[in-house]
């Protein structure tokens, strides 16, 4: 039988998801800053090249940063809520 995860409790889940959303808001702010900084740096070093170059750069940097922060946030959510420990216990019992 699979034990219940702490995320099954609505109160604990609401707290964990609120913390995840707070991290994602901070990372959105950091991402916007990095996109603006990278575009300014590219403009200073290359001048006005093609608008498509700047659009592709902004989308690439923005998507990469947001995807990485979303995945890391989910790792922190799973670890911080105790979900990882509950899900690893059945495997530990089978080995022992």
Protein backbone atom coordinates (compact mmCIF):
# COMPACT_ATOMS: atom_id res chain seq x y z
CA UNK A 1 0.00 0.00 0.00
CA UNK A 2 1.31 3.43 -0.91
CA UNK A 3 1.39 5.81 2.06
CA UNK A 4 -0.37 9.16 1.87
CA UNK A 5 1.72 12.09 0.76
CA UNK A 6 1.77 15.28 2.84
CA UNK A 7 0.52 17.02 -0.30
CA UNK A 8 -2.76 15.10 0.08
CA UNK A 9 -3.61 17.37 3.03
CA UNK A 10 -5.28 20.48 1.52
CA UNK A 11 -3.80 22.86 4.10
CA UNK A 12 -0.23 21.65 3.60
CA UNK A 13 -0.69 21.54 -0.16
CA UNK A 14 -1.99 25.12 -0.21
CA UNK A 15 1.03 26.27 1.79
CA UNK A 16 3.47 24.39 -0.48
CA UNK A 17 1.88 25.72 -3.69
CA UNK A 18 1.81 29.28 -2.31
CA UNK A 19 5.54 29.00 -1.62
CA UNK A 20 6.09 27.63 -5.14
CA UNK A 21 4.18 30.53 -6.69
CA UNK A 22 6.18 33.02 -4.59
CA UNK A 23 9.42 31.50 -5.91
CA UNK A 24 8.08 31.64 -9.46
CA UNK A 25 7.15 35.33 -9.11
CA UNK A 26 10.69 36.11 -7.96
CA UNK A 27 12.15 34.10 -10.82
CA UNK A 28 9.90 35.89 -13.31
CA UNK A 29 11.33 39.18 -12.05
CA UNK A 30 14.88 37.85 -12.35
CA UNK A 31 14.13 36.50 -15.83
CA UNK A 32 12.76 39.82 -17.08
CA UNK A 33 15.88 41.54 -15.74
CA UNK A 34 18.17 39.03 -17.42
CA UNK A 35 16.34 39.29 -20.74
CA UNK A 36 16.58 43.09 -20.69
CA UNK A 37 20.24 42.91 -19.64
CA UNK A 38 21.12 40.42 -22.35
CA UNK A 39 19.37 42.49 -25.03
CA UNK A 40 21.17 45.64 -23.90
CA UNK A 41 24.50 43.84 -23.86
CA UNK A 42 23.94 42.45 -27.35
CA UNK A 43 22.86 45.85 -28.66
CA UNK A 44 25.95 47.51 -27.18
CA UNK A 45 28.31 44.94 -28.70
CA UNK A 46 26.60 44.41 -32.10
CA UNK A 47 24.45 47.44 -32.76
CA UNK A 48 21.15 47.03 -34.53
CA UNK A 49 21.42 43.76 -36.41
CA UNK A 50 18.06 42.17 -37.19
CA UNK A 51 14.97 42.46 -35.04
CA UNK A 52 14.57 38.69 -35.37
CA UNK A 53 17.93 38.23 -33.65
CA UNK A 54 16.71 40.16 -30.61
CA UNK A 55 13.33 38.43 -30.55
CA UNK A 56 14.95 35.00 -30.71
CA UNK A 57 17.40 35.93 -27.98
CA UNK A 58 14.66 37.26 -25.70
CA UNK A 59 12.50 34.17 -26.24
CA UNK A 60 15.42 31.78 -25.81
CA UNK A 61 16.75 33.36 -22.62
CA UNK A 62 13.26 33.85 -21.18
CA UNK A 63 12.01 30.35 -21.94
CA UNK A 64 15.19 28.71 -20.65
CA UNK A 65 15.16 30.67 -17.40
CA UNK A 66 11.46 30.09 -16.72
CA UNK A 67 11.62 26.39 -17.55
CA UNK A 68 14.68 25.87 -15.35
CA UNK A 69 13.13 27.79 -12.46
CA UNK A 70 9.81 25.91 -12.79
CA UNK A 71 11.54 22.54 -12.68
CA UNK A 72 13.79 23.51 -9.77
CA UNK A 73 10.77 24.94 -7.97
CA UNK A 74 8.98 21.60 -8.34
CA UNK A 75 12.02 19.81 -6.93
CA UNK A 76 12.00 22.15 -3.93
CA UNK A 77 8.23 21.69 -3.57
CA UNK A 78 8.54 17.91 -3.54
CA UNK A 79 11.50 17.89 -1.17
CA UNK A 80 10.26 20.63 1.17
CA UNK A 81 6.80 19.13 1.63
CA UNK A 82 8.07 15.67 2.59
CA UNK A 83 6.67 14.06 -0.54
CA UNK A 84 10.05 12.56 -1.47
CA UNK A 85 10.51 10.78 1.85
CA UNK A 86 7.05 9.21 1.76
CA UNK A 87 7.47 7.95 -1.78
CA UNK A 88 10.91 6.43 -1.12
CA UNK A 89 9.89 4.41 1.96
CA UNK A 90 8.22 1.46 0.18
CA UNK A 91 11.35 0.83 -1.87
CA UNK A 92 13.51 0.90 1.26
CA UNK A 93 11.31 -1.73 2.96
CA UNK A 94 11.53 -4.09 -0.01
CA UNK A 95 15.35 -4.06 0.03
CA UNK A 96 15.66 -4.65 3.78
